[in-house]
Amino acid sequence: MRTLSTDAHSTYNSEHLHQHHSILFALENWIKEQEPSWEYYRFGIGAAGIFVQVTFAALMIATLGMAGASPWIYGIGIFFAFTSNSTVFAQSPMRIVLGSFVVSIITNLSLTLFYGIPMLIN
């Protein structure tokens, strides 16, 4: 009587061996699962997102103004702030709206830190 149905050198189908997915695949699936609730709460998410990203834009403008930066530099942050606001008002898909909020906040925060930290050191 055999105790093992297959020997130690058997092979498996390739579909069983290649089920490892990347982090981006998991993120994409999570976004697809959450998007209906984001669409349902579109007004609240849009209003809160505009408030948060405009707050970061104002902090960036104040910091760069005190640092004496060129208006062309903080024009970049203002551009991203207005772009994310326009995606809300245009009723774009919520993944684009939230993505534009994230890009605007990261841009404004990085400009604030880039010009604000040297001011704190001096």
PDB file of N, CA and C in Angstrom:
ATOM      1  N   MET A   1       0.827  -1.166   0.000  1.00  0.00           N
ATOM      2  CA  MET A   1       0.000   0.000   0.000  1.00  0.00           C
ATOM      3  C   MET A   1       0.887   1.251   0.000  1.00  0.00           C
ATOM      4  N   ARG A   2       0.574   2.211  -0.897  1.00  0.00           N
ATOM      5  CA  ARG A   2       1.348   3.451  -0.980  1.00  0.00           C
ATOM      6  C   ARG A   2       0.796   4.466   0.011  1.00  0.00           C
ATOM      7  N   THR A   3       1.684   5.140   0.688  1.00  0.00           N
ATOM      8  CA  THR A   3       1.238   6.155   1.640  1.00  0.00           C
ATOM      9  C   THR A   3       1.132   7.529   1.000  1.00  0.00           C
ATOM     10  N   LEU A   4       1.881   7.790  -0.041  1.00  0.00           N
ATOM     11  CA  LEU A   4       1.832   9.076  -0.733  1.00  0.00           C
ATOM     12  C   LEU A   4       1.217   8.875  -2.111  1.00  0.00           C
ATOM     13  N   SER A   5       0.335   9.741  -2.482  1.00  0.00           N
ATOM     14  CA  SER A   5      -0.283   9.603  -3.801  1.00  0.00           C
ATOM     15  C   SER A   5       0.625  10.105  -4.906  1.00  0.00           C
ATOM     16  N   THR A   6       1.542  11.025  -4.589  1.00  0.00           N
ATOM     17  CA  THR A   6       2.499  11.518  -5.578  1.00  0.00           C
ATOM     18  C   THR A   6       3.892  11.418  -4.992  1.00  0.00           C
ATOM     19  N   ASP A   7       4.869  11.318  -5.851  1.00  0.00           N
ATOM     20  CA  ASP A   7       6.237  11.259  -5.334  1.00  0.00           C
ATOM     21  C   ASP A   7       6.756  12.671  -5.073  1.00  0.00           C
ATOM     22  N   ALA A   8       7.947  12.777  -4.579  1.00  0.00           N
ATOM     23  CA  ALA A   8       8.509  14.064  -4.172  1.00  0.00           C
ATOM     24  C   ALA A   8       8.844  14.955  -5.350  1.00  0.00           C
ATOM     25  N   HIS A   9       8.905  14.418  -6.556  1.00  0.00           N
ATOM     26  CA  HIS A   9       9.319  15.204  -7.711  1.00  0.00           C
ATOM     27  C   HIS A   9       8.166  15.528  -8.655  1.00  0.00           C
ATOM     28  N   SER A  10       6.966  15.538  -8.159  1.00  0.00           N
ATOM     29  CA  SER A  10       5.840  15.861  -9.036  1.00  0.00           C
ATOM     30  C   SER A  10       5.755  17.359  -9.261  1.00  0.00           C
ATOM     31  N   THR A  11       5.118  17.758 -10.347  1.00  0.00           N
ATOM     32  CA  THR A  11       4.981  19.173 -10.676  1.00  0.00           C
ATOM     33  C   THR A  11       3.529  19.586 -10.502  1.00  0.00           C
ATOM     34  N   TYR A  12       3.336  20.876 -10.345  1.00  0.00           N
ATOM     35  CA  TYR A  12       2.001  21.445 -10.204  1.00  0.00           C
ATOM     36  C   TYR A  12       1.703  22.300 -11.418  1.00  0.00           C
ATOM     37  N   ASN A  13       0.456  22.583 -11.630  1.00  0.00           N
ATOM     38  CA  ASN A  13       0.091  23.498 -12.710  1.00  0.00           C
ATOM     39  C   ASN A  13       0.609  24.889 -12.386  1.00  0.00           C
ATOM     40  N   SER A  14       0.951  25.635 -13.400  1.00  0.00           N
ATOM     41  CA  SER A  14       1.532  26.958 -13.182  1.00  0.00           C
ATOM     42  C   SER A  14       0.541  27.922 -12.546  1.00  0.00           C
ATOM     43  N   GLU A  15      -0.756  27.680 -12.701  1.00  0.00           N
ATOM     44  CA  GLU A  15      -1.733  28.595 -12.112  1.00  0.00           C
ATOM     45  C   GLU A  15      -1.725  28.527 -10.594  1.00  0.00           C
ATOM     46  N   HIS A  16      -1.285  27.426 -10.020  1.00  0.00           N
ATOM     47  CA  HIS A  16      -1.223  27.314  -8.570  1.00  0.00           C
ATOM     48  C   HIS A  16       0.040  27.953  -8.011  1.00  0.00           C
ATOM     49  N   LEU A  17       1.065  28.023  -8.815  1.00  0.00           N
ATOM     50  CA  LEU A  17       2.323  28.563  -8.321  1.00  0.00           C
ATOM     51  C   LEU A  17       2.415  30.074  -8.450  1.00  0.00           C
ATOM     52  N   HIS A  18       1.604  30.684  -9.275  1.00  0.00           N
ATOM     53  CA  HIS A  18       1.734  32.107  -9.556  1.00  0.00           C
ATOM     54  C   HIS A  18       0.529  32.895  -9.045  1.00  0.00           C
ATOM     55  N   GLN A  19       0.206  32.734  -7.803  1.00  0.00           N
ATOM     56  CA  GLN A  19      -0.905  33.492  -7.236  1.00  0.00           C
ATOM     57  C   GLN A  19      -0.433  34.624  -6.342  1.00  0.00           C
ATOM     58  N   HIS A  20       0.809  34.990  -6.416  1.00  0.00           N
ATOM     59  CA  HIS A  20       1.322  36.111  -5.643  1.00  0.00           C
ATOM     60  C   HIS A  20       1.039  37.389  -6.424  1.00  0.00           C
ATOM     61  N   HIS A  21       0.348  38.320  -5.785  1.00  0.00           N
ATOM     62  CA  HIS A  21       0.006  39.568  -6.457  1.00  0.00           C
ATOM     63  C   HIS A  21       0.751  40.709  -5.792  1.00  0.00           C
ATOM     64  N   SER A  22       0.929  41.750  -6.540  1.00  0.00           N
ATOM     65  CA  SER A  22       1.666  42.894  -6.026  1.00  0.00           C
ATOM     66  C   SER A  22       0.784  43.733  -5.098  1.00  0.00           C
ATOM     67  N   ILE A  23       1.414  44.667  -4.452  1.00  0.00           N
ATOM     68  CA  ILE A  23       0.702  45.578  -3.559  1.00  0.00           C
ATOM     69  C   ILE A  23      -0.245  46.460  -4.366  1.00  0.00           C
ATOM     70  N   LEU A  24       0.164  46.838  -5.569  1.00  0.00           N
ATOM     71  CA  LEU A  24      -0.702  47.673  -6.402  1.00  0.00           C
ATOM     72  C   LEU A  24      -1.977  46.942  -6.798  1.00  0.00           C
ATOM     73  N   PHE A  25      -1.875  45.638  -7.001  1.00  0.00           N
ATOM     74  CA  PHE A  25      -3.065  44.845  -7.317  1.00  0.00           C
ATOM     75  C   PHE A  25      -4.019  44.845  -6.129  1.00  0.00           C
ATOM     76  N   ALA A  26      -3.489  44.688  -4.927  1.00  0.00           N
ATOM     77  CA  ALA A  26      -4.323  44.718  -3.723  1.00  0.00           C
ATOM     78  C   ALA A  26      -4.936  46.102  -3.524  1.00  0.00           C
ATOM     79  N   LEU A  27      -4.160  47.151  -3.786  1.00  0.00           N
ATOM     80  CA  LEU A  27      -4.676  48.517  -3.656  1.00  0.00           C
ATOM     81  C   LEU A  27      -5.778  48.783  -4.670  1.00  0.00           C
ATOM     82  N   GLU A  28      -5.592  48.296  -5.889  1.00  0.00           N
ATOM     83  CA  GLU A  28      -6.608  48.473  -6.924  1.00  0.00           C
ATOM     84  C   GLU A  28      -7.914  47.763  -6.550  1.00  0.00           C
ATOM     85  N   ASN A  29      -7.806  46.560  -6.010  1.00  0.00           N
ATOM     86  CA  ASN A  29      -9.006  45.843  -5.563  1.00  0.00           C
ATOM     87  C   ASN A  29      -9.687  46.557  -4.406  1.00  0.00           C
ATOM     88  N   TRP A  30      -8.886  47.106  -3.482  1.00  0.00           N
ATOM     89  CA  TRP A  30      -9.466  47.839  -2.352  1.00  0.00           C
ATOM     90  C   TRP A  30     -10.211  49.078  -2.837  1.00  0.00           C
ATOM     91  N   ILE A  31      -9.636  49.787  -3.819  1.00  0.00           N
ATOM     92  CA  ILE A  31     -10.285  50.979  -4.364  1.00  0.00           C
ATOM     93  C   ILE A  31     -11.601  50.596  -5.036  1.00  0.00           C
ATOM     94  N   LYS A  32     -11.605  49.493  -5.779  1.00  0.00           N
ATOM     95  CA  LYS A  32     -12.837  49.058  -6.433  1.00  0.00           C
ATOM     96  C   LYS A  32     -13.916  48.680  -5.424  1.00  0.00           C
ATOM     97  N   GLU A  33     -13.514  48.123  -4.275  1.00  0.00           N
ATOM     98  CA  GLU A  33     -14.486  47.781  -3.234  1.00  0.00           C
ATOM     99  C   GLU A  33     -15.036  49.020  -2.540  1.00  0.00           C
ATOM    100  N   GLN A  34     -14.204  50.038  -2.345  1.00  0.00           N
ATOM    101  CA  GLN A  34     -14.611  51.218  -1.577  1.00  0.00           C
ATOM    102  C   GLN A  34     -15.296  52.285  -2.418  1.00  0.00           C
ATOM    103  N   GLU A  35     -15.126  52.248  -3.718  1.00  0.00           N
ATOM    104  CA  GLU A  35     -15.617  53.337  -4.557  1.00  0.00           C
ATOM    105  C   GLU A  35     -17.127  53.562  -4.482  1.00  0.00           C
ATOM    106  N   PRO A  36     -17.972  52.533  -4.365  1.00  0.00           N
ATOM    107  CA  PRO A  36     -19.403  52.835  -4.227  1.00  0.00           C
ATOM    108  C   PRO A  36     -19.747  53.668  -2.990  1.00  0.00           C
ATOM    109  N   SER A  37     -19.092  53.397  -1.880  1.00  0.00           N
ATOM    110  CA  SER A  37     -19.369  54.207  -0.694  1.00  0.00           C
ATOM    111  C   SER A  37     -18.800  55.613  -0.853  1.00  0.00           C
ATOM    112  N   TRP A  38     -17.679  55.749  -1.551  1.00  0.00           N
ATOM    113  CA  TRP A  38     -17.144  57.078  -1.813  1.00  0.00           C
ATOM    114  C   TRP A  38     -18.100  57.875  -2.687  1.00  0.00           C
ATOM    115  N   GLU A  39     -18.691  57.241  -3.671  1.00  0.00           N
ATOM    116  CA  GLU A  39     -19.648  57.935  -4.532  1.00  0.00           C
ATOM    117  C   GLU A  39     -20.895  58.341  -3.756  1.00  0.00           C
ATOM    118  N   TYR A  40     -21.310  57.498  -2.813  1.00  0.00           N
ATOM    119  CA  TYR A  40     -22.502  57.811  -2.021  1.00  0.00           C
ATOM    120  C   TYR A  40     -22.260  59.030  -1.136  1.00  0.00           C
ATOM    121  N   TYR A  41     -21.058  59.140  -0.566  1.00  0.00           N
ATOM    122  CA  TYR A  41     -20.719  60.263   0.316  1.00  0.00           C
ATOM    123  C   TYR A  41     -19.902  61.318  -0.411  1.00  0.00           C
ATOM    124  N   ARG A  42     -20.157  61.499  -1.687  1.00  0.00           N
ATOM    125  CA  ARG A  42     -19.385  62.411  -2.530  1.00  0.00           C
ATOM    126  C   ARG A  42     -19.350  63.844  -1.990  1.00  0.00           C
ATOM    127  N   PHE A  43     -20.498  64.366  -1.569  1.00  0.00           N
ATOM    128  CA  PHE A  43     -20.573  65.762  -1.131  1.00  0.00           C
ATOM    129  C   PHE A  43     -19.732  65.978   0.122  1.00  0.00           C
ATOM    130  N   GLY A  44     -19.865  65.089   1.087  1.00  0.00           N
ATOM    131  CA  GLY A  44     -19.110  65.237   2.335  1.00  0.00           C
ATOM    132  C   GLY A  44     -17.625  65.049   2.140  1.00  0.00           C
ATOM    133  N   ILE A  45     -17.240  64.060   1.343  1.00  0.00           N
ATOM    134  CA  ILE A  45     -15.820  63.820   1.086  1.00  0.00           C
ATOM    135  C   ILE A  45     -15.230  64.991   0.312  1.00  0.00           C
ATOM    136  N   GLY A  46     -15.984  65.498  -0.656  1.00  0.00           N
ATOM    137  CA  GLY A  46     -15.498  66.637  -1.438  1.00  0.00           C
ATOM    138  C   GLY A  46     -15.323  67.884  -0.593  1.00  0.00           C
ATOM    139  N   ALA A  47     -16.295  68.163   0.282  1.00  0.00           N
ATOM    140  CA  ALA A  47     -16.208  69.356   1.134  1.00  0.00           C
ATOM    141  C   ALA A  47     -15.056  69.239   2.129  1.00  0.00           C
ATOM    142  N   ALA A  48     -14.928  68.082   2.749  1.00  0.00           N
ATOM    143  CA  ALA A  48     -13.835  67.893   3.707  1.00  0.00           C
ATOM    144  C   ALA A  48     -12.480  67.915   3.000  1.00  0.00           C
ATOM    145  N   GLY A  49     -12.404  67.320   1.826  1.00  0.00           N
ATOM    146  CA  GLY A  49     -11.145  67.319   1.080  1.00  0.00           C
ATOM    147  C   GLY A  49     -10.727  68.705   0.648  1.00  0.00           C
ATOM    148  N   ILE A  50     -11.694  69.499   0.190  1.00  0.00           N
ATOM    149  CA  ILE A  50     -11.377  70.880  -0.192  1.00  0.00           C
ATOM    150  C   ILE A  50     -10.881  71.654   1.013  1.00  0.00           C
ATOM    151  N   PHE A  51     -11.536  71.490   2.157  1.00  0.00           N
ATOM    152  CA  PHE A  51     -11.110  72.198   3.364  1.00  0.00           C
ATOM    153  C   PHE A  51      -9.689  71.823   3.765  1.00  0.00           C
ATOM    154  N   VAL A  52      -9.391  70.529   3.747  1.00  0.00           N
ATOM    155  CA  VAL A  52      -8.061  70.074   4.175  1.00  0.00           C
ATOM    156  C   VAL A  52      -6.979  70.536   3.206  1.00  0.00           C
ATOM    157  N   GLN A  53      -7.210  70.355   1.915  1.00  0.00           N
ATOM    158  CA  GLN A  53      -6.134  70.701   0.988  1.00  0.00           C
ATOM    159  C   GLN A  53      -5.969  72.212   0.846  1.00  0.00           C
ATOM    160  N   VAL A  54      -7.037  73.004   1.020  1.00  0.00           N
ATOM    161  CA  VAL A  54      -6.888  74.459   0.997  1.00  0.00           C
ATOM    162  C   VAL A  54      -6.156  74.937   2.246  1.00  0.00           C
ATOM    163  N   THR A  55      -6.352  74.236   3.361  1.00  0.00           N
ATOM    164  CA  THR A  55      -5.612  74.565   4.580  1.00  0.00           C
ATOM    165  C   THR A  55      -4.118  74.332   4.373  1.00  0.00           C
ATOM    166  N   PHE A  56      -3.754  73.215   3.764  1.00  0.00           N
ATOM    167  CA  PHE A  56      -2.344  72.968   3.473  1.00  0.00           C
ATOM    168  C   PHE A  56      -1.805  73.968   2.457  1.00  0.00           C
ATOM    169  N   ALA A  57      -2.620  74.376   1.498  1.00  0.00           N
ATOM    170  CA  ALA A  57      -2.181  75.382   0.518  1.00  0.00           C
ATOM    171  C   ALA A  57      -1.946  76.727   1.195  1.00  0.00           C
ATOM    172  N   ALA A  58      -2.813  77.107   2.133  1.00  0.00           N
ATOM    173  CA  ALA A  58      -2.629  78.368   2.852  1.00  0.00           C
ATOM    174  C   ALA A  58      -1.371  78.336   3.714  1.00  0.00           C
ATOM    175  N   LEU A  59      -1.114  77.203   4.354  1.00  0.00           N
ATOM    176  CA  LEU A  59       0.114  77.042   5.141  1.00  0.00           C
ATOM    177  C   LEU A  59       1.338  77.161   4.240  1.00  0.00           C
ATOM    178  N   MET A  60       1.266  76.580   3.054  1.00  0.00           N
ATOM    179  CA  MET A  60       2.372  76.655   2.108  1.00  0.00           C
ATOM    180  C   MET A  60       2.593  78.087   1.641  1.00  0.00           C
ATOM    181  N   ILE A  61       1.513  78.801   1.323  1.00  0.00           N
ATOM    182  CA  ILE A  61       1.655  80.174   0.849  1.00  0.00           C
ATOM    183  C   ILE A  61       2.246  81.066   1.943  1.00  0.00           C
ATOM    184  N   ALA A  62       1.793  80.897   3.174  1.00  0.00           N
ATOM    185  CA  ALA A  62       2.312  81.702   4.280  1.00  0.00           C
ATOM    186  C   ALA A  62       3.787  81.391   4.535  1.00  0.00           C
ATOM    187  N   THR A  63       4.140  80.123   4.523  1.00  0.00           N
ATOM    188  CA  THR A  63       5.533  79.742   4.787  1.00  0.00           C
ATOM    189  C   THR A  63       6.456  80.224   3.681  1.00  0.00           C
ATOM    190  N   LEU A  64       6.063  80.023   2.432  1.00  0.00           N
ATOM    191  CA  LEU A  64       6.916  80.458   1.331  1.00  0.00           C
ATOM    192  C   LEU A  64       6.976  81.978   1.233  1.00  0.00           C
ATOM    193  N   GLY A  65       5.897  82.661   1.629  1.00  0.00           N
ATOM    194  CA  GLY A  65       5.932  84.120   1.671  1.00  0.00           C
ATOM    195  C   GLY A  65       6.911  84.630   2.713  1.00  0.00           C
ATOM    196  N   MET A  66       6.924  83.993   3.883  1.00  0.00           N
ATOM    197  CA  MET A  66       7.876  84.395   4.929  1.00  0.00           C
ATOM    198  C   MET A  66       9.311  84.057   4.534  1.00  0.00           C
ATOM    199  N   ALA A  67       9.488  82.974   3.782  1.00  0.00           N
ATOM    200  CA  ALA A  67      10.834  82.572   3.369  1.00  0.00           C
ATOM    201  C   ALA A  67      11.347  83.399   2.205  1.00  0.00           C
ATOM    202  N   GLY A  68      10.482  84.178   1.571  1.00  0.00           N
ATOM    203  CA  GLY A  68      10.896  85.011   0.459  1.00  0.00           C
ATOM    204  C   GLY A  68      11.045  84.240  -0.843  1.00  0.00           C
ATOM    205  N   ALA A  69      10.257  83.188  -0.999  1.00  0.00           N
ATOM    206  CA  ALA A  69      10.335  82.376  -2.213  1.00  0.00           C
ATOM    207  C   ALA A  69       9.681  83.101  -3.385  1.00  0.00           C
ATOM    208  N   SER A  70      10.040  82.676  -4.559  1.00  0.00           N
ATOM    209  CA  SER A  70       9.477  83.250  -5.772  1.00  0.00           C
ATOM    210  C   SER A  70       8.000  82.865  -5.895  1.00  0.00           C
ATOM    211  N   PRO A  71       7.178  83.786  -6.401  1.00  0.00           N
ATOM    212  CA  PRO A  71       5.768  83.428  -6.622  1.00  0.00           C
ATOM    213  C   PRO A  71       5.590  82.281  -7.602  1.00  0.00           C
ATOM    214  N   TRP A  72       6.554  82.063  -8.472  1.00  0.00           N
ATOM    215  CA  TRP A  72       6.471  80.928  -9.395  1.00  0.00           C
ATOM    216  C   TRP A  72       6.536  79.601  -8.647  1.00  0.00           C
ATOM    217  N   ILE A  73       7.242  79.589  -7.525  1.00  0.00           N
ATOM    218  CA  ILE A  73       7.375  78.351  -6.752  1.00  0.00           C
ATOM    219  C   ILE A  73       6.050  78.014  -6.086  1.00  0.00           C
ATOM    220  N   TYR A  74       5.443  78.982  -5.383  1.00  0.00           N
ATOM    221  CA  TYR A  74       4.179  78.628  -4.737  1.00  0.00           C
ATOM    222  C   TYR A  74       3.010  78.658  -5.694  1.00  0.00           C
ATOM    223  N   GLY A  75       3.255  79.100  -6.912  1.00  0.00           N
ATOM    224  CA  GLY A  75       2.246  78.939  -7.956  1.00  0.00           C
ATOM    225  C   GLY A  75       1.997  77.478  -8.296  1.00  0.00           C
ATOM    226  N   ILE A  76       3.020  76.643  -8.103  1.00  0.00           N
ATOM    227  CA  ILE A  76       2.859  75.204  -8.321  1.00  0.00           C
ATOM    228  C   ILE A  76       1.852  74.634  -7.336  1.00  0.00           C
ATOM    229  N   GLY A  77       2.000  74.982  -6.056  1.00  0.00           N
ATOM    230  CA  GLY A  77       1.060  74.506  -5.042  1.00  0.00           C
ATOM    231  C   GLY A  77      -0.339  75.043  -5.254  1.00  0.00           C
ATOM    232  N   ILE A  78      -0.440  76.300  -5.665  1.00  0.00           N
ATOM    233  CA  ILE A  78      -1.751  76.881  -5.929  1.00  0.00           C
ATOM    234  C   ILE A  78      -2.402  76.197  -7.130  1.00  0.00           C
ATOM    235  N   PHE A  79      -1.607  75.888  -8.150  1.00  0.00           N
ATOM    236  CA  PHE A  79      -2.134  75.185  -9.318  1.00  0.00           C
ATOM    237  C   PHE A  79      -2.738  73.840  -8.927  1.00  0.00           C
ATOM    238  N   PHE A  80      -2.007  73.052  -8.108  1.00  0.00           N
ATOM    239  CA  PHE A  80      -2.535  71.759  -7.695  1.00  0.00           C
ATOM    240  C   PHE A  80      -3.765  71.900  -6.807  1.00  0.00           C
ATOM    241  N   ALA A  81      -3.825  72.957  -5.998  1.00  0.00           N
ATOM    242  CA  ALA A  81      -5.010  73.180  -5.164  1.00  0.00           C
ATOM    243  C   ALA A  81      -6.231  73.469  -6.041  1.00  0.00           C
ATOM    244  N   PHE A  82      -6.075  74.343  -7.017  1.00  0.00           N
ATOM    245  CA  PHE A  82      -7.201  74.651  -7.900  1.00  0.00           C
ATOM    246  C   PHE A  82      -7.576  73.453  -8.775  1.00  0.00           C
ATOM    247  N   THR A  83      -6.581  72.666  -9.171  1.00  0.00           N
ATOM    248  CA  THR A  83      -6.861  71.479  -9.977  1.00  0.00           C
ATOM    249  C   THR A  83      -7.689  70.469  -9.191  1.00  0.00           C
ATOM    250  N   SER A  84      -7.333  70.257  -7.926  1.00  0.00           N
ATOM    251  CA  SER A  84      -8.107  69.298  -7.131  1.00  0.00           C
ATOM    252  C   SER A  84      -9.503  69.832  -6.836  1.00  0.00           C
ATOM    253  N   ASN A  85      -9.635  71.135  -6.655  1.00  0.00           N
ATOM    254  CA  ASN A  85     -10.981  71.704  -6.480  1.00  0.00           C
ATOM    255  C   ASN A  85     -11.820  71.523  -7.738  1.00  0.00           C
ATOM    256  N   SER A  86     -11.201  71.703  -8.888  1.00  0.00           N
ATOM    257  CA  SER A  86     -11.976  71.584 -10.127  1.00  0.00           C
ATOM    258  C   SER A  86     -12.390  70.140 -10.397  1.00  0.00           C
ATOM    259  N   THR A  87     -11.605  69.156  -9.935  1.00  0.00           N
ATOM    260  CA  THR A  87     -12.046  67.771 -10.102  1.00  0.00           C
ATOM    261  C   THR A  87     -13.275  67.472  -9.259  1.00  0.00           C
ATOM    262  N   VAL A  88     -13.384  68.125  -8.101  1.00  0.00           N
ATOM    263  CA  VAL A  88     -14.585  67.944  -7.276  1.00  0.00           C
ATOM    264  C   VAL A  88     -15.784  68.574  -7.955  1.00  0.00           C
ATOM    265  N   PHE A  89     -15.614  69.798  -8.416  1.00  0.00           N
ATOM    266  CA  PHE A  89     -16.740  70.507  -9.011  1.00  0.00           C
ATOM    267  C   PHE A  89     -17.160  69.913 -10.356  1.00  0.00           C
ATOM    268  N   ALA A  90     -16.232  69.250 -11.049  1.00  0.00           N
ATOM    269  CA  ALA A  90     -16.561  68.615 -12.316  1.00  0.00           C
ATOM    270  C   ALA A  90     -17.194  67.241 -12.117  1.00  0.00           C
ATOM    271  N   GLN A  91     -17.296  66.807 -10.888  1.00  0.00           N
ATOM    272  CA  GLN A  91     -17.849  65.502 -10.520  1.00  0.00           C
ATOM    273  C   GLN A  91     -17.141  64.369 -11.252  1.00  0.00           C
ATOM    274  N   SER A  92     -15.828  64.423 -11.185  1.00  0.00           N
ATOM    275  CA  SER A  92     -15.003  63.337 -11.717  1.00  0.00           C
ATOM    276  C   SER A  92     -15.182  62.098 -10.852  1.00  0.00           C
ATOM    277  N   PRO A  93     -14.744  60.938 -11.322  1.00  0.00           N
ATOM    278  CA  PRO A  93     -14.811  59.740 -10.467  1.00  0.00           C
ATOM    279  C   PRO A  93     -14.036  59.963  -9.166  1.00  0.00           C
ATOM    280  N   MET A  94     -14.525  59.372  -8.100  1.00  0.00           N
ATOM    281  CA  MET A  94     -13.963  59.663  -6.782  1.00  0.00           C
ATOM    282  C   MET A  94     -12.517  59.221  -6.643  1.00  0.00           C
ATOM    283  N   ARG A  95     -12.081  58.209  -7.360  1.00  0.00           N
ATOM    284  CA  ARG A  95     -10.672  57.827  -7.262  1.00  0.00           C
ATOM    285  C   ARG A  95      -9.786  58.938  -7.822  1.00  0.00           C
ATOM    286  N   ILE A  96     -10.267  59.659  -8.839  1.00  0.00           N
ATOM    287  CA  ILE A  96      -9.503  60.782  -9.384  1.00  0.00           C
ATOM    288  C   ILE A  96      -9.553  61.965  -8.427  1.00  0.00           C
ATOM    289  N   VAL A  97     -10.700  62.198  -7.820  1.00  0.00           N
ATOM    290  CA  VAL A  97     -10.841  63.300  -6.859  1.00  0.00           C
ATOM    291  C   VAL A  97      -9.910  63.085  -5.673  1.00  0.00           C
ATOM    292  N   LEU A  98      -9.950  61.886  -5.094  1.00  0.00           N
ATOM    293  CA  LEU A  98      -9.099  61.607  -3.942  1.00  0.00           C
ATOM    294  C   LEU A  98      -7.626  61.610  -4.328  1.00  0.00           C
ATOM    295  N   GLY A  99      -7.314  61.136  -5.517  1.00  0.00           N
ATOM    296  CA  GLY A  99      -5.934  61.185  -5.980  1.00  0.00           C
ATOM    297  C   GLY A  99      -5.431  62.610  -6.154  1.00  0.00           C
ATOM    298  N   SER A 100      -6.288  63.491  -6.667  1.00  0.00           N
ATOM    299  CA  SER A 100      -5.882  64.893  -6.817  1.00  0.00           C
ATOM    300  C   SER A 100      -5.720  65.569  -5.468  1.00  0.00           C
ATOM    301  N   PHE A 101      -6.551  65.198  -4.489  1.00  0.00           N
ATOM    302  CA  PHE A 101      -6.368  65.719  -3.126  1.00  0.00           C
ATOM    303  C   PHE A 101      -5.017  65.294  -2.566  1.00  0.00           C
ATOM    304  N   VAL A 102      -4.682  64.035  -2.750  1.00  0.00           N
ATOM    305  CA  VAL A 102      -3.412  63.525  -2.215  1.00  0.00           C
ATOM    306  C   VAL A 102      -2.229  64.221  -2.883  1.00  0.00           C
ATOM    307  N   VAL A 103      -2.281  64.385  -4.200  1.00  0.00           N
ATOM    308  CA  VAL A 103      -1.187  65.053  -4.915  1.00  0.00           C
ATOM    309  C   VAL A 103      -1.060  66.500  -4.451  1.00  0.00           C
ATOM    310  N   SER A 104      -2.184  67.194  -4.275  1.00  0.00           N
ATOM    311  CA  SER A 104      -2.154  68.579  -3.828  1.00  0.00           C
ATOM    312  C   SER A 104      -1.590  68.698  -2.415  1.00  0.00           C
ATOM    313  N   ILE A 105      -2.022  67.840  -1.520  1.00  0.00           N
ATOM    314  CA  ILE A 105      -1.543  67.910  -0.139  1.00  0.00           C
ATOM    315  C   ILE A 105      -0.068  67.572  -0.065  1.00  0.00           C
ATOM    316  N   ILE A 106       0.379  66.547  -0.785  1.00  0.00           N
ATOM    317  CA  ILE A 106       1.796  66.169  -0.760  1.00  0.00           C
ATOM    318  C   ILE A 106       2.665  67.272  -1.352  1.00  0.00           C
ATOM    319  N   THR A 107       2.215  67.875  -2.444  1.00  0.00           N
ATOM    320  CA  THR A 107       2.982  68.962  -3.056  1.00  0.00           C
ATOM    321  C   THR A 107       3.088  70.149  -2.116  1.00  0.00           C
ATOM    322  N   ASN A 108       1.963  70.573  -1.546  1.00  0.00           N
ATOM    323  CA  ASN A 108       1.988  71.730  -0.655  1.00  0.00           C
ATOM    324  C   ASN A 108       2.767  71.454   0.624  1.00  0.00           C
ATOM    325  N   LEU A 109       2.631  70.250   1.158  1.00  0.00           N
ATOM    326  CA  LEU A 109       3.364  69.906   2.370  1.00  0.00           C
ATOM    327  C   LEU A 109       4.860  69.823   2.118  1.00  0.00           C
ATOM    328  N   SER A 110       5.249  69.265   0.978  1.00  0.00           N
ATOM    329  CA  SER A 110       6.683  69.172   0.683  1.00  0.00           C
ATOM    330  C   SER A 110       7.291  70.551   0.430  1.00  0.00           C
ATOM    331  N   LEU A 111       6.569  71.431  -0.248  1.00  0.00           N
ATOM    332  CA  LEU A 111       7.073  72.799  -0.423  1.00  0.00           C
ATOM    333  C   LEU A 111       7.175  73.521   0.914  1.00  0.00           C
ATOM    334  N   THR A 112       6.189  73.309   1.785  1.00  0.00           N
ATOM    335  CA  THR A 112       6.223  73.936   3.108  1.00  0.00           C
ATOM    336  C   THR A 112       7.427  73.463   3.902  1.00  0.00           C
ATOM    337  N   LEU A 113       7.669  72.158   3.897  1.00  0.00           N
ATOM    338  CA  LEU A 113       8.805  71.632   4.650  1.00  0.00           C
ATOM    339  C   LEU A 113      10.131  72.039   4.029  1.00  0.00           C
ATOM    340  N   PHE A 114      10.195  72.064   2.699  1.00  0.00           N
ATOM    341  CA  PHE A 114      11.445  72.417   2.026  1.00  0.00           C
ATOM    342  C   PHE A 114      11.854  73.856   2.332  1.00  0.00           C
ATOM    343  N   TYR A 115      10.893  74.758   2.405  1.00  0.00           N
ATOM    344  CA  TYR A 115      11.221  76.157   2.689  1.00  0.00           C
ATOM    345  C   TYR A 115      11.081  76.501   4.178  1.00  0.00           C
ATOM    346  N   GLY A 116      10.300  75.725   4.926  1.00  0.00           N
ATOM    347  CA  GLY A 116      10.078  76.036   6.338  1.00  0.00           C
ATOM    348  C   GLY A 116      11.165  75.563   7.263  1.00  0.00           C
ATOM    349  N   ILE A 117      11.753  74.389   6.979  1.00  0.00           N
ATOM    350  CA  ILE A 117      12.795  73.854   7.867  1.00  0.00           C
ATOM    351  C   ILE A 117      14.037  74.747   7.891  1.00  0.00           C
ATOM    352  N   PRO A 118      14.528  75.255   6.748  1.00  0.00           N
ATOM    353  CA  PRO A 118      15.669  76.178   6.841  1.00  0.00           C
ATOM    354  C   PRO A 118      15.351  77.456   7.613  1.00  0.00           C
ATOM    355  N   MET A 119      14.099  77.921   7.562  1.00  0.00           N
ATOM    356  CA  MET A 119      13.730  79.103   8.347  1.00  0.00           C
ATOM    357  C   MET A 119      13.799  78.801   9.843  1.00  0.00           C
ATOM    358  N   LEU A 120      13.420  77.589  10.241  1.00  0.00           N
ATOM    359  CA  LEU A 120      13.461  77.234  11.653  1.00  0.00           C
ATOM    360  C   LEU A 120      14.889  77.048  12.154  1.00  0.00           C
ATOM    361  N   ILE A 121      15.762  76.628  11.280  1.00  0.00           N
ATOM    362  CA  ILE A 121      17.161  76.405  11.677  1.00  0.00           C
ATOM    363  C   ILE A 121      17.878  77.726  11.890  1.00  0.00           C
ATOM    364  N   ASN A 122      17.601  78.707  11.044  1.00  0.00           N
ATOM    365  CA  ASN A 122      18.294  80.015  11.166  1.00  0.00           C
ATOM    366  C   ASN A 122      17.779  80.820  12.268  1.00  0.00           C
TER     367      ASN A 122
END
